[in-house]
Amino acid sequence: MATRFLAGERILEAVRQANEEHATRRLGVAYWGAGAVERLALGSDLHGTRVICDLWSEGCHADAVLELVSGGAQVVTVEGFHAKTYLYPNRIVLGSANASRGGLGTADEPPARAETALLCEDTVVLADAAAWFEATWRRGTPVDAALIEASRGELAKVRDARRPTLLQALAHEPDLFGGLDLWVALYDDGGVSYEAETTWEIVRGEYGTDDMRAYDERGEVPFYEVEDGQLGDCREGRIYLDFSRSRKGKPTFNGVWKVRTSGHRSIVGTGRSLVLLDQLPSLRGRRIVGHEMKAFGALLGSMASADRPAGSPEIREAVRKALKTVAS
């Protein structure tokens, strides 16, 4: 079958048919609306279904994600995820429609929004899509019932009020980050060694093409170089608010980074390792505001270089002072 253009109700028809024919599905779909399992004809046994979503977005319905998990689906959440990709062993539906009533409609009602998609069976496209899915999957945080429940109350607040920033949430909603291994990293920027760069060239293929293009354009490398004796301090899943400083400069904020699962790579013959990272565009749905992080970094300047828990007294005091500075 040649690639076909789909619009309106035909998108849901194509997705439902694929789900009825295949028990193995990789669904990279940001937002899931109530009743999505029935809407998409996913059935009751979802053990062959893997889902990437953005649980902390306003468009993801907690009950819909809970139904996926309860049915046996593996689900991960990726901050800032916005794709709509329905991938199967022999086809892909790729378009603009989320797994919601507004985007896909129902078996009895057309969608409320104007959506389009492509239905494609090209093997090259399928291979590229599979590689993208797996690379994105590795960046995700596993979703279980406890995490879904934690998201409920926070999303209710978001719908009722303007979403606070990351720094505001650290000051006023610390419990939001209670389940995260969240640290503030402050270190002197001495660059990386030749051996680290050589090892990085070997392992960079583990990242998706789009991710690497973005890192290269920004001149960033998604890893730390650490002594092997310090690897225990860089455990998988740990999240860093990353600040580096030159000898004379104030600390510079470099983003929020998460240690990859199985993300340690030995630098042969050196006693050091790479710690592979993924950059997060937000954290628990809280946006990162540059001028706030700059003010926060300035207050870190008097501290010794070290990793500190985000909930430690000295970090919380620096957060409070930074918010006071930007408000004045």
Protein backbone atom coordinates (compact mmCIF):
# COMPACT_ATOMS: atom_id res chain seq x y z
CA MET A 1 0.00 0.00 0.00
CA ALA A 2 1.36 3.42 -0.93
CA THR A 3 1.53 6.20 1.61
CA ARG A 4 -1.94 7.65 2.13
CA PHE A 5 -3.14 11.01 3.35
CA LEU A 6 -5.78 10.88 6.09
CA ALA A 7 -8.04 13.53 7.58
CA GLY A 8 -10.87 13.67 10.09
CA GLU A 9 -12.58 10.38 10.91
CA ARG A 10 -10.25 8.39 8.65
CA ILE A 11 -7.40 8.84 11.15
CA LEU A 12 -9.27 7.05 13.92
CA GLU A 13 -10.39 4.36 11.47
CA ALA A 14 -6.75 3.68 10.52
CA VAL A 15 -5.58 3.64 14.15
CA ARG A 16 -8.39 1.35 15.29
CA GLN A 17 -7.78 -1.07 12.43
CA ALA A 18 -4.06 -1.23 13.23
CA ASN A 19 -4.77 -1.83 16.93
CA GLU A 20 -7.24 -4.60 16.11
CA GLU A 21 -4.66 -6.31 13.87
CA HIS A 22 -1.58 -5.88 16.07
CA ALA A 23 -1.00 -6.60 19.76
CA THR A 24 2.46 -5.01 19.56
CA ARG A 25 2.21 -1.22 19.49
CA ARG A 26 4.57 1.66 20.13
CA LEU A 27 2.47 4.76 20.71
CA GLY A 28 4.40 8.00 21.03
CA VAL A 29 1.38 10.19 21.71
CA ALA A 30 1.64 13.19 24.03
CA TYR A 31 -1.91 13.56 25.29
CA TRP A 32 -4.44 10.88 26.24
CA GLY A 33 -8.08 11.78 26.77
CA ALA A 34 -10.66 9.99 28.90
CA GLY A 35 -11.82 6.73 27.33
CA ALA A 36 -8.81 6.45 25.03
CA VAL A 37 -8.40 2.68 25.43
CA GLU A 38 -11.90 2.07 24.08
CA ARG A 39 -11.66 4.88 21.53
CA LEU A 40 -8.51 3.43 19.97
CA ALA A 41 -9.75 -0.21 20.18
CA LEU A 42 -6.73 -1.20 22.24
CA GLY A 43 -8.53 -4.07 23.96
CA SER A 44 -8.15 -5.31 27.53
CA ASP A 45 -4.69 -6.93 27.34
CA LEU A 46 -2.13 -4.17 26.80
CA HIS A 47 1.04 -6.07 27.69
CA GLY A 48 2.36 -5.59 24.15
CA THR A 49 1.70 -1.86 24.21
CA ARG A 50 4.32 0.78 25.01
CA VAL A 51 3.33 4.42 25.40
CA ILE A 52 5.31 7.66 25.59
CA CYS A 53 3.30 10.63 26.87
CA ASP A 54 3.71 13.86 28.83
CA LEU A 55 1.91 13.01 32.06
CA TRP A 56 2.50 16.46 33.55
CA SER A 57 0.91 18.35 30.67
CA GLU A 58 -2.58 19.78 30.90
CA GLY A 59 -3.69 17.61 27.98
CA CYS A 60 -3.03 14.23 29.60
CA HIS A 61 -6.02 12.78 31.49
CA ALA A 62 -4.92 10.85 34.58
CA ASP A 63 -7.70 8.26 34.30
CA ALA A 64 -6.76 7.52 30.69
CA VAL A 65 -3.13 6.88 31.61
CA LEU A 66 -4.18 4.80 34.63
CA GLU A 67 -6.33 2.63 32.35
CA LEU A 68 -3.29 2.02 30.14
CA VAL A 69 -1.12 1.03 33.10
CA SER A 70 -3.84 -1.11 34.66
CA GLY A 71 -4.24 -2.99 31.39
CA GLY A 72 -0.56 -3.93 31.37
CA ALA A 73 0.86 -1.24 29.09
CA GLN A 74 4.35 0.06 29.75
CA VAL A 75 4.16 3.85 29.97
CA VAL A 76 6.87 6.47 30.33
CA THR A 77 6.53 10.23 30.58
CA VAL A 78 8.90 12.65 28.85
CA GLU A 79 8.85 16.33 29.78
CA GLY A 80 7.83 18.50 26.83
CA PHE A 81 6.86 15.54 24.65
CA HIS A 82 4.47 16.63 21.88
CA ALA A 83 4.53 13.90 19.20
CA LYS A 84 1.56 11.97 17.79
CA THR A 85 3.04 8.76 16.40
CA TYR A 86 1.16 5.45 16.22
CA LEU A 87 3.75 2.82 15.29
CA TYR A 88 3.06 -0.85 14.45
CA PRO A 89 5.18 -3.69 13.03
CA ASN A 90 4.11 -2.99 9.43
CA ARG A 91 2.75 0.57 9.40
CA ILE A 92 2.75 3.96 11.03
CA VAL A 93 0.09 6.63 11.44
CA LEU A 94 1.90 9.92 11.84
CA GLY A 95 0.05 13.19 12.21
CA SER A 96 -1.37 15.90 14.42
CA ALA A 97 -4.03 14.03 16.42
CA ASN A 98 -3.63 13.14 20.09
CA ALA A 99 -5.43 10.14 21.60
CA SER A 100 -8.29 12.35 22.70
CA ARG A 101 -11.90 12.84 21.75
CA GLY A 102 -11.11 16.25 20.31
CA GLY A 103 -8.28 14.92 18.16
CA LEU A 104 -9.65 11.56 16.99
CA GLY A 105 -13.36 11.69 17.77
CA THR A 106 -15.07 8.41 18.62
CA ALA A 107 -16.47 5.49 16.66
CA ASP A 108 -19.78 7.38 16.59
CA GLU A 109 -18.71 11.04 16.47
CA PRO A 110 -16.26 12.94 14.25
CA PRO A 111 -13.35 14.77 15.89
CA ALA A 112 -13.96 18.30 17.12
CA ARG A 113 -10.66 19.56 15.67
CA ALA A 114 -9.33 19.55 12.12
CA GLU A 115 -6.53 16.96 12.12
CA THR A 116 -4.46 15.28 9.41
CA ALA A 117 -2.10 12.30 9.23
CA LEU A 118 -0.15 10.02 6.93
CA LEU A 119 -0.53 6.24 6.87
CA CYS A 120 2.75 4.73 5.70
CA GLU A 121 4.20 1.22 5.27
CA ASP A 122 7.62 2.22 3.92
CA THR A 123 10.23 0.04 5.65
CA VAL A 124 12.82 2.83 5.80
CA VAL A 125 10.33 5.15 7.47
CA LEU A 126 9.34 2.40 9.91
CA ALA A 127 12.98 1.76 10.83
CA ASP A 128 13.64 5.47 11.37
CA ALA A 129 10.49 5.81 13.47
CA ALA A 130 11.43 2.78 15.57
CA ALA A 131 14.90 4.21 16.23
CA TRP A 132 13.35 7.54 17.24
CA PHE A 133 10.86 5.81 19.56
CA GLU A 134 13.54 3.75 21.32
CA ALA A 135 15.82 6.77 21.78
CA THR A 136 12.94 8.78 23.23
CA TRP A 137 11.82 5.86 25.40
CA ARG A 138 15.22 5.77 27.10
CA ARG A 139 14.71 9.39 28.15
CA GLY A 140 11.41 8.64 29.85
CA THR A 141 10.41 8.22 33.47
CA PRO A 142 8.35 5.05 34.11
CA VAL A 143 4.74 5.78 35.02
CA ASP A 144 2.90 3.78 37.66
CA ALA A 145 -0.31 4.29 39.61
CA ALA A 146 1.46 6.25 42.36
CA LEU A 147 2.93 8.75 39.92
CA ILE A 148 -0.43 9.17 38.20
CA GLU A 149 -2.07 9.97 41.54
CA ALA A 150 0.67 12.48 42.31
CA SER A 151 -0.02 14.23 39.02
CA ARG A 152 -3.77 14.59 39.62
CA GLY A 153 -3.71 17.29 42.25
CA GLU A 154 -0.95 19.22 40.56
CA LEU A 155 -2.74 19.30 37.22
CA ALA A 156 -5.91 20.46 38.94
CA LYS A 157 -3.94 23.42 40.30
CA VAL A 158 -2.53 24.12 36.87
CA ARG A 159 -5.99 24.27 35.34
CA ASP A 160 -7.14 26.69 38.03
CA ALA A 161 -4.15 29.01 38.05
CA ARG A 162 -1.17 30.15 36.03
CA ARG A 163 1.50 27.47 35.99
CA PRO A 164 4.32 28.47 38.37
CA THR A 165 7.96 28.37 37.35
CA LEU A 166 10.45 25.74 38.43
CA LEU A 167 12.10 28.06 40.94
CA GLN A 168 8.73 29.14 42.35
CA ALA A 169 7.74 25.49 42.74
CA LEU A 170 11.01 24.69 44.52
CA ALA A 171 10.22 27.46 46.99
CA HIS A 172 6.49 26.95 47.47
CA GLU A 173 5.71 23.39 46.30
CA PRO A 174 8.69 21.30 47.46
CA ASP A 175 6.51 18.22 47.89
CA LEU A 176 5.93 18.22 44.13
CA PHE A 177 9.52 17.03 43.72
CA GLY A 178 9.48 14.67 46.69
CA GLY A 179 9.69 11.55 44.53
CA LEU A 180 12.62 12.84 42.48
CA ASP A 181 16.34 12.46 43.17
CA LEU A 182 16.88 16.18 42.55
CA TRP A 183 20.22 17.91 43.07
CA VAL A 184 21.95 21.19 42.31
CA ALA A 185 25.33 20.62 40.64
CA LEU A 186 27.93 23.39 40.99
CA TYR A 187 31.34 22.74 39.50
CA ASP A 188 34.36 24.48 38.01
CA ASP A 189 34.30 24.17 34.24
CA GLY A 190 37.60 22.71 33.13
CA GLY A 191 36.37 21.17 29.90
CA VAL A 192 36.64 17.48 29.12
CA SER A 193 39.65 15.31 28.37
CA TYR A 194 40.70 13.99 24.98
CA GLU A 195 39.95 10.47 26.20
CA ALA A 196 36.43 11.51 27.18
CA GLU A 197 35.83 13.06 23.76
CA THR A 198 37.08 9.87 22.09
CA THR A 199 34.76 7.70 24.20
CA TRP A 200 31.88 10.06 23.49
CA GLU A 201 32.34 9.67 19.73
CA ILE A 202 31.96 5.91 20.21
CA VAL A 203 28.75 6.07 22.27
CA ARG A 204 26.96 9.12 20.84
CA GLY A 205 25.03 6.86 18.46
CA GLU A 206 22.94 5.78 21.47
CA TYR A 207 21.18 9.15 21.21
CA GLY A 208 18.51 10.00 18.68
CA THR A 209 19.44 11.99 15.58
CA ASP A 210 17.20 14.92 16.50
CA ASP A 211 18.59 15.07 20.03
CA MET A 212 22.17 15.09 18.79
CA ARG A 213 21.42 17.74 16.19
CA ALA A 214 20.02 19.97 18.93
CA TYR A 215 22.99 19.35 21.24
CA ASP A 216 25.48 20.00 18.43
CA GLU A 217 23.74 23.24 17.42
CA ARG A 218 23.92 24.50 21.00
CA GLY A 219 27.50 23.31 21.46
CA GLU A 220 26.50 21.01 24.32
CA VAL A 221 27.66 17.52 25.24
CA PRO A 222 25.17 15.44 27.25
CA PHE A 223 27.57 13.84 29.69
CA TYR A 224 29.70 14.38 32.77
CA GLU A 225 33.26 13.11 33.03
CA VAL A 226 33.78 11.77 36.56
CA GLU A 227 36.26 9.71 38.51
CA ASP A 228 35.15 6.09 38.85
CA GLY A 229 35.07 6.49 42.61
CA GLN A 230 32.35 9.13 42.21
CA LEU A 231 30.02 7.09 40.00
CA GLY A 232 27.88 6.20 42.99
CA ASP A 233 27.02 9.89 43.27
CA CYS A 234 25.71 9.92 39.68
CA ARG A 235 23.12 7.17 39.96
CA GLU A 236 20.64 6.58 37.18
CA GLY A 237 17.55 8.76 37.31
CA ARG A 238 19.25 11.51 39.32
CA ILE A 239 18.31 14.98 38.08
CA TYR A 240 20.67 17.94 38.19
CA LEU A 241 20.08 21.66 38.01
CA ASP A 242 23.44 22.23 36.35
CA PHE A 243 25.65 25.24 37.10
CA SER A 244 29.26 25.63 35.98
CA ARG A 245 31.66 28.49 36.58
CA SER A 246 34.91 29.66 35.09
CA ARG A 247 37.71 30.83 37.36
CA LYS A 248 36.54 34.44 37.33
CA GLY A 249 32.92 34.20 36.28
CA LYS A 250 29.65 33.74 38.10
CA PRO A 251 27.96 30.35 37.86
CA THR A 252 26.24 29.76 34.53
CA PHE A 253 23.02 27.76 34.35
CA ASN A 254 23.31 24.96 31.77
CA GLY A 255 19.87 23.40 32.05
CA VAL A 256 18.21 20.50 33.82
CA TRP A 257 19.79 17.11 33.13
CA LYS A 258 18.80 13.56 34.05
CA VAL A 259 21.21 10.62 34.30
CA ARG A 260 20.28 7.93 31.80
CA THR A 261 19.30 4.42 32.79
CA SER A 262 22.48 2.29 32.52
CA GLY A 263 24.22 5.54 31.59
CA HIS A 264 27.79 4.91 32.80
CA ARG A 265 30.49 4.32 30.14
CA SER A 266 34.07 3.59 31.13
CA ILE A 267 36.86 5.72 29.63
CA VAL A 268 39.36 2.93 29.07
CA GLY A 269 42.67 3.19 30.91
CA THR A 270 41.89 6.39 32.81
CA GLY A 271 39.97 5.48 35.96
CA ARG A 272 37.22 7.81 34.79
CA SER A 273 33.82 7.34 33.18
CA LEU A 274 31.22 9.21 31.19
CA VAL A 275 27.85 9.72 32.83
CA LEU A 276 25.32 9.99 29.99
CA LEU A 277 22.52 12.54 30.41
CA ASP A 278 19.29 13.72 28.84
CA GLN A 279 18.23 17.36 28.99
CA LEU A 280 14.75 18.11 30.36
CA PRO A 281 12.86 21.14 28.99
CA SER A 282 10.80 21.37 32.19
CA LEU A 283 10.34 19.49 35.45
CA ARG A 284 7.01 18.14 36.66
CA GLY A 285 5.41 20.59 34.25
CA ARG A 286 7.17 23.60 35.80
CA ARG A 287 8.81 25.84 33.24
CA ILE A 288 12.43 26.97 33.48
CA VAL A 289 12.82 30.77 33.36
CA GLY A 290 16.24 32.05 32.38
CA HIS A 291 16.41 35.24 34.44
CA GLU A 292 15.31 33.38 37.57
CA MET A 293 17.99 30.74 37.12
CA LYS A 294 20.58 33.47 36.49
CA ALA A 295 19.66 35.12 39.81
CA PHE A 296 19.79 31.72 41.51
CA GLY A 297 23.22 31.03 40.02
CA ALA A 298 24.57 34.35 41.26
CA LEU A 299 23.67 33.35 44.80
CA LEU A 300 25.47 30.03 44.40
CA GLY A 301 28.70 31.86 43.58
CA SER A 302 29.81 32.06 47.21
CA MET A 303 29.40 28.32 47.73
CA ALA A 304 32.09 25.71 47.24
CA SER A 305 31.81 23.52 44.17
CA ALA A 306 29.77 20.44 45.10
CA ASP A 307 26.53 18.60 44.42
CA ARG A 308 23.79 19.50 46.90
CA PRO A 309 20.28 18.11 47.39
CA ALA A 310 17.71 20.57 46.09
CA GLY A 311 15.93 20.38 49.43
CA SER A 312 18.97 21.27 51.54
CA PRO A 313 18.68 24.39 53.72
CA GLU A 314 21.36 26.37 51.87
CA ILE A 315 19.78 25.66 48.47
CA ARG A 316 16.29 26.52 49.68
CA GLU A 317 17.59 29.80 51.09
CA ALA A 318 19.29 30.62 47.77
CA VAL A 319 16.05 29.86 45.92
CA ARG A 320 14.11 32.15 48.26
CA LYS A 321 16.60 35.00 47.82
CA ALA A 322 16.67 34.57 44.03
CA LEU A 323 12.90 34.90 43.80
CA LYS A 324 13.03 37.99 46.00
CA THR A 325 15.70 39.47 43.73
CA VAL A 326 13.75 38.99 40.50
CA ALA A 327 10.57 40.32 42.11
CA SER A 328 12.20 43.56 43.24
